[in-house]
Amino acid sequence: MTLRSVDGSSFSWQIANAAGGGFDASFRVERKAGAQHYTEADTRHTLSRETAVGWLRTEASIRGFDAREIR
């Protein structure tokens, strides 16, 4: 799934079942600052889907995205 902001930035995320149990949550932020492109990404393993969703919402909010779409 992907969130987009007015300035053209994007926040994409994924939650997947982990092979060893739990969930793997990951996100990728893409921004353009002037002529430079900026990309940031991170992954976290959690034991519950709710924890993964909470972490992704926090990371999206910190970066200025409306995280209500993350479920």
N, C-alpha and C. Protein backbone atom coordinates (compact mmCIF):
# COMPACT_ATOMS: atom_id res chain seq x y z
N MET A 1 0.84 -1.17 0.00
CA MET A 1 0.00 0.00 0.00
C MET A 1 0.90 1.24 0.00
N THR A 2 0.36 2.34 -0.50
CA THR A 2 1.15 3.57 -0.59
C THR A 2 0.31 4.77 -0.17
N LEU A 3 0.93 5.63 0.64
CA LEU A 3 0.35 6.93 0.98
C LEU A 3 1.11 7.98 0.18
N ARG A 4 0.42 9.00 -0.28
CA ARG A 4 1.07 10.09 -1.02
C ARG A 4 0.77 11.41 -0.33
N SER A 5 1.73 12.32 -0.37
CA SER A 5 1.52 13.64 0.20
C SER A 5 1.41 14.66 -0.93
N VAL A 6 1.01 15.85 -0.57
CA VAL A 6 0.80 16.92 -1.54
C VAL A 6 2.09 17.25 -2.29
N ASP A 7 3.24 17.15 -1.63
CA ASP A 7 4.51 17.51 -2.27
C ASP A 7 5.07 16.42 -3.17
N GLY A 8 4.33 15.31 -3.33
CA GLY A 8 4.78 14.23 -4.20
C GLY A 8 5.53 13.13 -3.50
N SER A 9 5.75 13.25 -2.20
CA SER A 9 6.42 12.21 -1.43
C SER A 9 5.51 11.00 -1.28
N SER A 10 6.11 9.84 -1.07
CA SER A 10 5.31 8.64 -0.87
C SER A 10 5.83 7.83 0.31
N PHE A 11 4.90 7.15 0.97
CA PHE A 11 5.20 6.25 2.07
C PHE A 11 4.52 4.93 1.74
N SER A 12 5.30 3.91 1.42
CA SER A 12 4.72 2.61 1.10
C SER A 12 5.07 1.63 2.21
N TRP A 13 4.15 0.70 2.48
CA TRP A 13 4.38 -0.23 3.56
C TRP A 13 3.84 -1.60 3.22
N GLN A 14 4.30 -2.59 4.02
CA GLN A 14 3.86 -3.97 3.84
C GLN A 14 3.95 -4.67 5.19
N ILE A 15 2.97 -5.52 5.46
CA ILE A 15 3.01 -6.39 6.63
C ILE A 15 2.86 -7.81 6.11
N ALA A 16 3.79 -8.69 6.48
CA ALA A 16 3.76 -10.06 5.99
C ALA A 16 3.97 -11.03 7.15
N ASN A 17 3.39 -12.22 7.03
CA ASN A 17 3.65 -13.26 8.01
C ASN A 17 5.10 -13.68 7.91
N ALA A 18 5.78 -13.77 9.03
CA ALA A 18 7.19 -14.18 9.05
C ALA A 18 7.28 -15.70 9.06
N ALA A 19 8.32 -16.23 8.46
CA ALA A 19 8.50 -17.68 8.37
C ALA A 19 8.62 -18.30 9.76
N GLY A 20 9.26 -17.62 10.69
CA GLY A 20 9.46 -18.16 12.03
C GLY A 20 8.38 -17.77 13.01
N GLY A 21 7.27 -17.22 12.55
CA GLY A 21 6.20 -16.77 13.42
C GLY A 21 6.22 -15.26 13.55
N GLY A 22 5.11 -14.68 13.87
CA GLY A 22 5.02 -13.22 13.99
C GLY A 22 4.82 -12.57 12.63
N PHE A 23 5.19 -11.29 12.57
CA PHE A 23 4.98 -10.50 11.37
C PHE A 23 6.20 -9.65 11.07
N ASP A 24 6.48 -9.46 9.80
CA ASP A 24 7.52 -8.55 9.34
C ASP A 24 6.84 -7.32 8.75
N ALA A 25 7.11 -6.17 9.32
CA ALA A 25 6.56 -4.91 8.82
C ALA A 25 7.70 -4.11 8.19
N SER A 26 7.44 -3.52 7.05
CA SER A 26 8.47 -2.71 6.40
C SER A 26 7.85 -1.49 5.76
N PHE A 27 8.66 -0.44 5.64
CA PHE A 27 8.20 0.76 4.96
C PHE A 27 9.31 1.34 4.12
N ARG A 28 8.91 2.20 3.18
CA ARG A 28 9.86 2.91 2.31
C ARG A 28 9.29 4.30 2.06
N VAL A 29 10.12 5.32 2.30
CA VAL A 29 9.74 6.71 2.06
C VAL A 29 10.57 7.22 0.90
N GLU A 30 9.91 7.86 -0.06
CA GLU A 30 10.61 8.48 -1.18
C GLU A 30 10.23 9.95 -1.24
N ARG A 31 11.25 10.81 -1.24
CA ARG A 31 11.04 12.26 -1.31
C ARG A 31 12.00 12.85 -2.34
N LYS A 32 11.63 14.02 -2.81
CA LYS A 32 12.52 14.76 -3.69
C LYS A 32 12.76 16.12 -3.05
N ALA A 33 14.01 16.42 -2.76
CA ALA A 33 14.40 17.70 -2.17
C ALA A 33 15.25 18.44 -3.19
N GLY A 34 14.63 19.38 -3.88
CA GLY A 34 15.33 20.07 -4.96
C GLY A 34 15.56 19.08 -6.09
N ALA A 35 16.81 18.93 -6.49
CA ALA A 35 17.15 18.00 -7.56
C ALA A 35 17.57 16.63 -7.00
N GLN A 36 17.61 16.49 -5.69
CA GLN A 36 18.06 15.25 -5.05
C GLN A 36 16.88 14.37 -4.66
N HIS A 37 17.02 13.09 -4.90
CA HIS A 37 16.02 12.12 -4.46
C HIS A 37 16.50 11.52 -3.14
N TYR A 38 15.57 11.31 -2.23
CA TYR A 38 15.87 10.81 -0.90
C TYR A 38 15.01 9.59 -0.65
N THR A 39 15.61 8.50 -0.24
CA THR A 39 14.88 7.27 0.06
C THR A 39 15.29 6.78 1.43
N GLU A 40 14.30 6.36 2.21
CA GLU A 40 14.54 5.81 3.53
C GLU A 40 13.68 4.56 3.67
N ALA A 41 14.23 3.52 4.28
CA ALA A 41 13.48 2.28 4.45
C ALA A 41 13.88 1.62 5.76
N ASP A 42 12.96 0.83 6.32
CA ASP A 42 13.24 0.10 7.55
C ASP A 42 12.31 -1.10 7.62
N THR A 43 12.73 -2.11 8.37
CA THR A 43 11.94 -3.32 8.59
C THR A 43 11.99 -3.67 10.07
N ARG A 44 10.88 -4.18 10.58
CA ARG A 44 10.83 -4.60 11.99
C ARG A 44 10.03 -5.89 12.09
N HIS A 45 10.54 -6.81 12.91
CA HIS A 45 9.82 -8.06 13.20
C HIS A 45 9.03 -7.86 14.48
N THR A 46 7.74 -8.20 14.45
CA THR A 46 6.89 -8.08 15.63
C THR A 46 6.17 -9.40 15.87
N LEU A 47 5.70 -9.57 17.09
CA LEU A 47 4.97 -10.79 17.41
C LEU A 47 3.49 -10.69 17.09
N SER A 48 2.96 -9.47 17.00
CA SER A 48 1.54 -9.31 16.69
C SER A 48 1.35 -8.34 15.54
N ARG A 49 0.27 -8.53 14.82
CA ARG A 49 -0.06 -7.63 13.71
C ARG A 49 -0.39 -6.24 14.23
N GLU A 50 -1.03 -6.15 15.39
CA GLU A 50 -1.38 -4.85 15.98
C GLU A 50 -0.13 -4.03 16.28
N THR A 51 0.91 -4.68 16.77
CA THR A 51 2.17 -3.99 17.04
C THR A 51 2.80 -3.49 15.75
N ALA A 52 2.73 -4.31 14.70
CA ALA A 52 3.28 -3.92 13.40
C ALA A 52 2.54 -2.70 12.86
N VAL A 53 1.21 -2.72 12.95
CA VAL A 53 0.40 -1.59 12.48
C VAL A 53 0.73 -0.33 13.28
N GLY A 54 0.84 -0.44 14.59
CA GLY A 54 1.18 0.70 15.43
C GLY A 54 2.54 1.29 15.09
N TRP A 55 3.52 0.43 14.85
CA TRP A 55 4.86 0.91 14.48
C TRP A 55 4.82 1.64 13.14
N LEU A 56 4.13 1.07 12.16
CA LEU A 56 4.04 1.72 10.85
C LEU A 56 3.31 3.06 10.93
N ARG A 57 2.24 3.13 11.71
CA ARG A 57 1.52 4.40 11.88
C ARG A 57 2.41 5.46 12.50
N THR A 58 3.17 5.07 13.51
CA THR A 58 4.09 6.01 14.15
C THR A 58 5.14 6.51 13.17
N GLU A 59 5.75 5.61 12.41
CA GLU A 59 6.79 5.99 11.45
C GLU A 59 6.22 6.90 10.36
N ALA A 60 5.01 6.62 9.90
CA ALA A 60 4.39 7.46 8.88
C ALA A 60 4.09 8.85 9.45
N SER A 61 3.55 8.91 10.65
CA SER A 61 3.22 10.21 11.28
C SER A 61 4.46 11.05 11.50
N ILE A 62 5.54 10.44 11.96
CA ILE A 62 6.79 11.16 12.18
C ILE A 62 7.25 11.84 10.89
N ARG A 63 6.99 11.19 9.77
CA ARG A 63 7.45 11.71 8.48
C ARG A 63 6.41 12.58 7.78
N GLY A 64 5.30 12.90 8.49
CA GLY A 64 4.34 13.86 7.97
C GLY A 64 3.21 13.28 7.13
N PHE A 65 2.99 11.98 7.19
CA PHE A 65 1.91 11.35 6.42
C PHE A 65 0.71 11.09 7.32
N ASP A 66 -0.48 11.08 6.73
CA ASP A 66 -1.70 10.76 7.45
C ASP A 66 -1.76 9.23 7.57
N ALA A 67 -1.51 8.72 8.75
CA ALA A 67 -1.34 7.29 8.96
C ALA A 67 -2.64 6.54 9.20
N ARG A 68 -3.78 7.21 9.14
CA ARG A 68 -5.06 6.54 9.42
C ARG A 68 -5.37 5.43 8.41
N GLU A 69 -4.77 5.47 7.25
CA GLU A 69 -5.03 4.46 6.21
C GLU A 69 -4.32 3.13 6.49
N ILE A 70 -3.34 3.16 7.38
CA ILE A 70 -2.59 1.94 7.68
C ILE A 70 -3.41 1.08 8.62
N ARG A 71 -3.71 -0.12 8.15
CA ARG A 71 -4.53 -1.06 8.95
C ARG A 71 -3.95 -2.44 8.92
